[in-house]
Amino acid sequence: MTRGKFITLEGSEGVGKSSNIQFIANTLKALGIAVVTTREPGGTPIAEEIRQILLTEYEEPTLPETELLLLYAGRKQHVEHLIKPALALGKWVVCDRFFDATFAYQGAGRNIAIEKIEQLNQWALGEFSPDLTILLDAPVDIAFERIKHERKLDRFEKEKKEFFEKIRMQYLRIAQKNPHRYHVVDAAKTLVEVQTEIKKCLDNI
């Protein structure tokens, strides 16, 4: 059986990942491809519990290192119990964020040394990596305007604009270093324009 493809969708808050995950899944299903959609943090029962811890504000501050270790605990569960088994069955997996988000949020955002994250990533995942990563990129001001009116904000969404500026720049650096798997989409455009560009990415995988 042919192994499925692993597609990740990256970007900071407010760039439209949630709406476009379903678009990607529907586009693939229309081609007769079996698709599993998932998210990080989360994806399995244990990983979803870890997600709640990560997004909740506690009286006791969450240390950046604690955040990082929790993310990889959840990611290991997610990869071994959901992503790899689905790929082995020939299904395509579409994931809302993956390890690139850690390099952006905990690396650039929380100032954890990239080398530390690389070591942890190698230990936890080895060479396992997405086949295609689509980065939805938009200026922070535009993204901020979108999330302000959408919902109650979680612990990450309450961060200052400078935090998200650092994250955006790190994502763009990662994309530049990984042109073989990254495709950057201008998420400031209309939804129709964004999804037209996403469809082109899927046609070339």
C-alpha atoms as a PDB file:
ATOM      1  CA  MET A   1       0.000   0.000   0.000  1.00  0.00           C
ATOM      2  CA  THR A   2       1.288   3.463  -0.917  1.00  0.00           C
ATOM      3  CA  ARG A   3       2.048   5.681   2.065  1.00  0.00           C
ATOM      4  CA  GLY A   4      -0.186   8.710   2.402  1.00  0.00           C
ATOM      5  CA  LYS A   5       1.018  12.301   2.298  1.00  0.00           C
ATOM      6  CA  PHE A   6       1.447  14.501   5.367  1.00  0.00           C
ATOM      7  CA  ILE A   7       0.398  18.149   4.875  1.00  0.00           C
ATOM      8  CA  THR A   8       0.748  20.815   7.553  1.00  0.00           C
ATOM      9  CA  LEU A   9      -0.828  24.259   7.638  1.00  0.00           C
ATOM     10  CA  GLU A  10       1.141  26.888   9.543  1.00  0.00           C
ATOM     11  CA  GLY A  11       0.700  30.508  10.570  1.00  0.00           C
ATOM     12  CA  SER A  12      -0.016  32.653  13.595  1.00  0.00           C
ATOM     13  CA  GLU A  13      -3.444  33.507  14.983  1.00  0.00           C
ATOM     14  CA  GLY A  14      -5.903  35.212  12.652  1.00  0.00           C
ATOM     15  CA  VAL A  15      -4.518  34.022   9.308  1.00  0.00           C
ATOM     16  CA  GLY A  16      -7.421  31.669   8.535  1.00  0.00           C
ATOM     17  CA  LYS A  17      -6.024  28.209   9.235  1.00  0.00           C
ATOM     18  CA  SER A  18      -9.264  26.740  10.585  1.00  0.00           C
ATOM     19  CA  SER A  19     -11.364  27.592   7.518  1.00  0.00           C
ATOM     20  CA  ASN A  20      -8.668  26.453   5.101  1.00  0.00           C
ATOM     21  CA  ILE A  21      -7.994  23.098   6.771  1.00  0.00           C
ATOM     22  CA  GLN A  22     -11.477  22.015   5.765  1.00  0.00           C
ATOM     23  CA  PHE A  23     -10.978  23.407   2.254  1.00  0.00           C
ATOM     24  CA  ILE A  24      -7.833  21.304   1.837  1.00  0.00           C
ATOM     25  CA  ALA A  25      -9.617  18.192   3.126  1.00  0.00           C
ATOM     26  CA  ASN A  26     -12.588  18.713   0.817  1.00  0.00           C
ATOM     27  CA  THR A  27     -10.335  19.323  -2.185  1.00  0.00           C
ATOM     28  CA  LEU A  28      -8.465  16.076  -1.566  1.00  0.00           C
ATOM     29  CA  LYS A  29     -11.652  14.095  -0.914  1.00  0.00           C
ATOM     30  CA  ALA A  30     -13.013  15.312  -4.261  1.00  0.00           C
ATOM     31  CA  LEU A  31     -10.008  13.598  -5.848  1.00  0.00           C
ATOM     32  CA  GLY A  32     -10.909  10.324  -4.124  1.00  0.00           C
ATOM     33  CA  ILE A  33      -8.229  10.594  -1.445  1.00  0.00           C
ATOM     34  CA  ALA A  34      -8.961   9.382   2.099  1.00  0.00           C
ATOM     35  CA  VAL A  35      -8.167  12.265   4.458  1.00  0.00           C
ATOM     36  CA  VAL A  36      -7.637  12.660   8.204  1.00  0.00           C
ATOM     37  CA  THR A  37      -7.702  16.199   9.632  1.00  0.00           C
ATOM     38  CA  THR A  38      -6.069  16.911  12.955  1.00  0.00           C
ATOM     39  CA  ARG A  39      -4.388  19.666  14.958  1.00  0.00           C
ATOM     40  CA  GLU A  40      -1.535  20.550  17.275  1.00  0.00           C
ATOM     41  CA  PRO A  41      -1.388  20.708  20.128  1.00  0.00           C
ATOM     42  CA  GLY A  42      -3.934  17.892  20.244  1.00  0.00           C
ATOM     43  CA  GLY A  43      -5.052  15.121  17.947  1.00  0.00           C
ATOM     44  CA  THR A  44      -5.343  12.227  20.420  1.00  0.00           C
ATOM     45  CA  PRO A  45      -7.090  12.022  23.829  1.00  0.00           C
ATOM     46  CA  ILE A  46      -3.868  12.508  25.817  1.00  0.00           C
ATOM     47  CA  ALA A  47      -2.606  15.233  23.464  1.00  0.00           C
ATOM     48  CA  GLU A  48      -5.943  17.071  23.743  1.00  0.00           C
ATOM     49  CA  GLU A  49      -5.597  17.080  27.530  1.00  0.00           C
ATOM     50  CA  ILE A  50      -2.136  18.571  27.133  1.00  0.00           C
ATOM     51  CA  ARG A  51      -3.614  21.192  24.777  1.00  0.00           C
ATOM     52  CA  GLN A  52      -5.973  22.355  27.512  1.00  0.00           C
ATOM     53  CA  ILE A  53      -3.080  22.778  29.923  1.00  0.00           C
ATOM     54  CA  LEU A  54      -1.118  24.766  27.346  1.00  0.00           C
ATOM     55  CA  LEU A  55      -3.953  27.139  26.477  1.00  0.00           C
ATOM     56  CA  THR A  56      -5.153  27.772  30.029  1.00  0.00           C
ATOM     57  CA  GLU A  57      -3.970  30.696  32.154  1.00  0.00           C
ATOM     58  CA  TYR A  58      -2.982  29.555  35.634  1.00  0.00           C
ATOM     59  CA  GLU A  59      -2.030  31.579  38.682  1.00  0.00           C
ATOM     60  CA  GLU A  60       1.275  29.718  38.502  1.00  0.00           C
ATOM     61  CA  PRO A  61       3.092  30.990  35.371  1.00  0.00           C
ATOM     62  CA  THR A  62       3.855  28.413  32.679  1.00  0.00           C
ATOM     63  CA  LEU A  63       7.603  28.417  32.028  1.00  0.00           C
ATOM     64  CA  PRO A  64       8.758  28.472  28.371  1.00  0.00           C
ATOM     65  CA  GLU A  65      10.630  25.213  28.961  1.00  0.00           C
ATOM     66  CA  THR A  66       7.508  23.597  30.433  1.00  0.00           C
ATOM     67  CA  GLU A  67       5.551  24.748  27.399  1.00  0.00           C
ATOM     68  CA  LEU A  68       8.126  23.199  25.072  1.00  0.00           C
ATOM     69  CA  LEU A  69       8.236  19.845  26.880  1.00  0.00           C
ATOM     70  CA  LEU A  70       4.447  19.613  27.041  1.00  0.00           C
ATOM     71  CA  LEU A  71       4.222  20.300  23.312  1.00  0.00           C
ATOM     72  CA  TYR A  72       6.602  17.464  22.503  1.00  0.00           C
ATOM     73  CA  ALA A  73       4.886  15.087  24.909  1.00  0.00           C
ATOM     74  CA  GLY A  74       1.642  15.690  23.040  1.00  0.00           C
ATOM     75  CA  ARG A  75       3.364  15.599  19.649  1.00  0.00           C
ATOM     76  CA  LYS A  76       4.924  12.200  20.316  1.00  0.00           C
ATOM     77  CA  GLN A  77       1.513  10.759  21.222  1.00  0.00           C
ATOM     78  CA  HIS A  78      -0.013  12.395  18.167  1.00  0.00           C
ATOM     79  CA  VAL A  79       2.576  11.133  15.688  1.00  0.00           C
ATOM     80  CA  GLU A  80       2.750   7.567  16.979  1.00  0.00           C
ATOM     81  CA  HIS A  81      -0.947   6.985  17.649  1.00  0.00           C
ATOM     82  CA  LEU A  82      -2.651   8.968  14.873  1.00  0.00           C
ATOM     83  CA  ILE A  83      -0.441  10.421  12.140  1.00  0.00           C
ATOM     84  CA  LYS A  84       1.879   7.507  11.328  1.00  0.00           C
ATOM     85  CA  PRO A  85      -0.872   4.837  11.479  1.00  0.00           C
ATOM     86  CA  ALA A  86      -3.081   6.883   9.118  1.00  0.00           C
ATOM     87  CA  LEU A  87      -0.208   7.428   6.654  1.00  0.00           C
ATOM     88  CA  ALA A  88       0.608   3.713   6.737  1.00  0.00           C
ATOM     89  CA  LEU A  89      -2.988   2.981   5.656  1.00  0.00           C
ATOM     90  CA  GLY A  90      -2.543   5.260   2.639  1.00  0.00           C
ATOM     91  CA  LYS A  91      -4.559   8.123   4.096  1.00  0.00           C
ATOM     92  CA  TRP A  92      -3.450  11.718   3.725  1.00  0.00           C
ATOM     93  CA  VAL A  93      -3.126  13.634   6.988  1.00  0.00           C
ATOM     94  CA  VAL A  94      -3.801  17.375   7.098  1.00  0.00           C
ATOM     95  CA  CYS A  95      -2.621  18.964  10.346  1.00  0.00           C
ATOM     96  CA  ASP A  96      -3.257  22.436  11.762  1.00  0.00           C
ATOM     97  CA  ARG A  97       0.334  23.235  12.850  1.00  0.00           C
ATOM     98  CA  PHE A  98       3.237  20.881  13.562  1.00  0.00           C
ATOM     99  CA  PHE A  99       6.874  21.241  14.664  1.00  0.00           C
ATOM    100  CA  ASP A 100       7.487  24.457  12.696  1.00  0.00           C
ATOM    101  CA  ALA A 101       5.082  26.173  15.085  1.00  0.00           C
ATOM    102  CA  THR A 102       7.375  25.238  17.972  1.00  0.00           C
ATOM    103  CA  PHE A 103      10.395  26.804  16.288  1.00  0.00           C
ATOM    104  CA  ALA A 104       8.310  29.936  15.704  1.00  0.00           C
ATOM    105  CA  TYR A 105       6.393  30.235  19.004  1.00  0.00           C
ATOM    106  CA  GLN A 106       8.771  28.766  21.559  1.00  0.00           C
ATOM    107  CA  GLY A 107      11.949  29.548  19.605  1.00  0.00           C
ATOM    108  CA  ALA A 108      11.396  33.098  18.398  1.00  0.00           C
ATOM    109  CA  GLY A 109       8.446  33.952  20.639  1.00  0.00           C
ATOM    110  CA  ARG A 110       9.724  32.543  23.951  1.00  0.00           C
ATOM    111  CA  ASN A 111      13.441  32.919  23.168  1.00  0.00           C
ATOM    112  CA  ILE A 112      14.325  29.255  23.632  1.00  0.00           C
ATOM    113  CA  ALA A 113      17.525  28.407  21.745  1.00  0.00           C
ATOM    114  CA  ILE A 114      16.736  26.879  18.347  1.00  0.00           C
ATOM    115  CA  GLU A 115      19.478  24.289  18.936  1.00  0.00           C
ATOM    116  CA  LYS A 116      17.626  23.014  22.023  1.00  0.00           C
ATOM    117  CA  ILE A 117      14.406  22.608  20.042  1.00  0.00           C
ATOM    118  CA  GLU A 118      16.278  20.857  17.222  1.00  0.00           C
ATOM    119  CA  GLN A 119      17.764  18.382  19.693  1.00  0.00           C
ATOM    120  CA  LEU A 120      14.363  17.663  21.219  1.00  0.00           C
ATOM    121  CA  ASN A 121      12.757  17.361  17.803  1.00  0.00           C
ATOM    122  CA  GLN A 122      15.407  14.899  16.635  1.00  0.00           C
ATOM    123  CA  TRP A 123      15.061  12.819  19.805  1.00  0.00           C
ATOM    124  CA  ALA A 124      11.256  12.716  19.646  1.00  0.00           C
ATOM    125  CA  LEU A 125      10.635  12.471  15.896  1.00  0.00           C
ATOM    126  CA  GLY A 126      13.884  11.538  14.170  1.00  0.00           C
ATOM    127  CA  GLU A 127      13.602  12.338  10.459  1.00  0.00           C
ATOM    128  CA  PHE A 128       9.802  12.382  10.428  1.00  0.00           C
ATOM    129  CA  SER A 129       8.636  15.524   8.624  1.00  0.00           C
ATOM    130  CA  PRO A 130       5.713  16.871   6.548  1.00  0.00           C
ATOM    131  CA  ASP A 131       5.644  16.318   2.789  1.00  0.00           C
ATOM    132  CA  LEU A 132       4.170  19.782   2.240  1.00  0.00           C
ATOM    133  CA  THR A 133       3.825  22.787   4.529  1.00  0.00           C
ATOM    134  CA  ILE A 134       1.559  25.667   3.578  1.00  0.00           C
ATOM    135  CA  LEU A 135       2.293  28.891   5.453  1.00  0.00           C
ATOM    136  CA  LEU A 136      -0.577  31.363   5.621  1.00  0.00           C
ATOM    137  CA  ASP A 137       1.206  34.676   6.039  1.00  0.00           C
ATOM    138  CA  ALA A 138      -0.376  38.044   6.845  1.00  0.00           C
ATOM    139  CA  PRO A 139       0.767  41.263   8.519  1.00  0.00           C
ATOM    140  CA  VAL A 140       0.243  41.091  12.271  1.00  0.00           C
ATOM    141  CA  ASP A 141      -2.086  44.118  12.292  1.00  0.00           C
ATOM    142  CA  ILE A 142      -4.482  42.369   9.908  1.00  0.00           C
ATOM    143  CA  ALA A 143      -4.383  39.102  11.872  1.00  0.00           C
ATOM    144  CA  PHE A 144      -4.972  40.967  15.141  1.00  0.00           C
ATOM    145  CA  GLU A 145      -8.075  42.676  13.768  1.00  0.00           C
ATOM    146  CA  ARG A 146      -9.519  39.316  12.771  1.00  0.00           C
ATOM    147  CA  ILE A 147      -9.090  37.564  16.125  1.00  0.00           C
ATOM    148  CA  LYS A 148     -10.317  40.516  18.199  1.00  0.00           C
ATOM    149  CA  HIS A 149     -13.901  39.981  17.085  1.00  0.00           C
ATOM    150  CA  GLU A 150     -14.000  36.195  16.761  1.00  0.00           C
ATOM    151  CA  ARG A 151     -13.885  34.572  20.202  1.00  0.00           C
ATOM    152  CA  LYS A 152     -12.626  34.553  23.752  1.00  0.00           C
ATOM    153  CA  LEU A 153      -8.845  34.689  23.518  1.00  0.00           C
ATOM    154  CA  ASP A 154      -6.642  31.916  24.909  1.00  0.00           C
ATOM    155  CA  ARG A 155      -3.292  32.355  26.664  1.00  0.00           C
ATOM    156  CA  PHE A 156      -1.320  32.661  23.416  1.00  0.00           C
ATOM    157  CA  GLU A 157      -3.767  34.963  21.666  1.00  0.00           C
ATOM    158  CA  LYS A 158      -3.458  37.454  24.538  1.00  0.00           C
ATOM    159  CA  GLU A 159       0.246  38.014  23.828  1.00  0.00           C
ATOM    160  CA  LYS A 160       1.452  41.418  22.612  1.00  0.00           C
ATOM    161  CA  LYS A 161       1.955  42.335  18.976  1.00  0.00           C
ATOM    162  CA  GLU A 162       5.745  42.118  19.312  1.00  0.00           C
ATOM    163  CA  PHE A 163       5.406  38.417  20.172  1.00  0.00           C
ATOM    164  CA  PHE A 164       3.552  37.748  16.926  1.00  0.00           C
ATOM    165  CA  GLU A 165       5.931  39.893  14.867  1.00  0.00           C
ATOM    166  CA  LYS A 166       8.789  37.649  16.004  1.00  0.00           C
ATOM    167  CA  ILE A 167       6.747  34.554  15.183  1.00  0.00           C
ATOM    168  CA  ARG A 168       5.881  35.796  11.700  1.00  0.00           C
ATOM    169  CA  MET A 169       9.515  36.587  10.898  1.00  0.00           C
ATOM    170  CA  GLN A 170      10.627  33.168  12.133  1.00  0.00           C
ATOM    171  CA  TYR A 171       8.036  31.397   9.993  1.00  0.00           C
ATOM    172  CA  LEU A 172       9.295  33.284   6.936  1.00  0.00           C
ATOM    173  CA  ARG A 173      12.889  32.346   7.779  1.00  0.00           C
ATOM    174  CA  ILE A 174      11.906  28.679   8.088  1.00  0.00           C
ATOM    175  CA  ALA A 175      10.091  28.850   4.735  1.00  0.00           C
ATOM    176  CA  GLN A 176      13.145  30.373   3.079  1.00  0.00           C
ATOM    177  CA  LYS A 177      15.373  27.602   4.432  1.00  0.00           C
ATOM    178  CA  ASN A 178      12.971  24.824   3.345  1.00  0.00           C
ATOM    179  CA  PRO A 179      11.788  25.695  -0.188  1.00  0.00           C
ATOM    180  CA  HIS A 180      11.443  21.992  -1.037  1.00  0.00           C
ATOM    181  CA  ARG A 181       8.430  21.572   1.284  1.00  0.00           C
ATOM    182  CA  TYR A 182       7.217  25.111   2.028  1.00  0.00           C
ATOM    183  CA  HIS A 183       4.716  27.177   0.082  1.00  0.00           C
ATOM    184  CA  VAL A 184       3.914  30.675   1.376  1.00  0.00           C
ATOM    185  CA  VAL A 185       0.397  31.988   0.702  1.00  0.00           C
ATOM    186  CA  ASP A 186      -0.573  35.641   1.160  1.00  0.00           C
ATOM    187  CA  ALA A 187      -3.372  35.308   3.729  1.00  0.00           C
ATOM    188  CA  ALA A 188      -4.184  39.023   3.545  1.00  0.00           C
ATOM    189  CA  LYS A 189      -5.951  38.358   0.227  1.00  0.00           C
ATOM    190  CA  THR A 190      -9.595  37.345  -0.099  1.00  0.00           C
ATOM    191  CA  LEU A 191     -10.604  33.825   0.898  1.00  0.00           C
ATOM    192  CA  VAL A 192     -11.217  32.916  -2.759  1.00  0.00           C
ATOM    193  CA  GLU A 193      -7.719  34.097  -3.732  1.00  0.00           C
ATOM    194  CA  VAL A 194      -6.135  32.269  -0.797  1.00  0.00           C
ATOM    195  CA  GLN A 195      -7.903  29.018  -1.618  1.00  0.00           C
ATOM    196  CA  THR A 196      -7.007  29.295  -5.305  1.00  0.00           C
ATOM    197  CA  GLU A 197      -3.346  29.496  -4.272  1.00  0.00           C
ATOM    198  CA  ILE A 198      -3.737  26.582  -1.852  1.00  0.00           C
ATOM    199  CA  LYS A 199      -5.255  24.455  -4.611  1.00  0.00           C
ATOM    200  CA  LYS A 200      -2.192  25.125  -6.774  1.00  0.00           C
ATOM    201  CA  CYS A 201      -0.005  23.839  -3.934  1.00  0.00           C
ATOM    202  CA  LEU A 202      -2.040  20.643  -3.737  1.00  0.00           C
ATOM    203  CA  ASP A 203      -1.874  20.118  -7.499  1.00  0.00           C
ATOM    204  CA  ASN A 204       1.924  20.031  -7.298  1.00  0.00           C
ATOM    205  CA  ILE A 205       2.408  17.674  -4.355  1.00  0.00           C
END
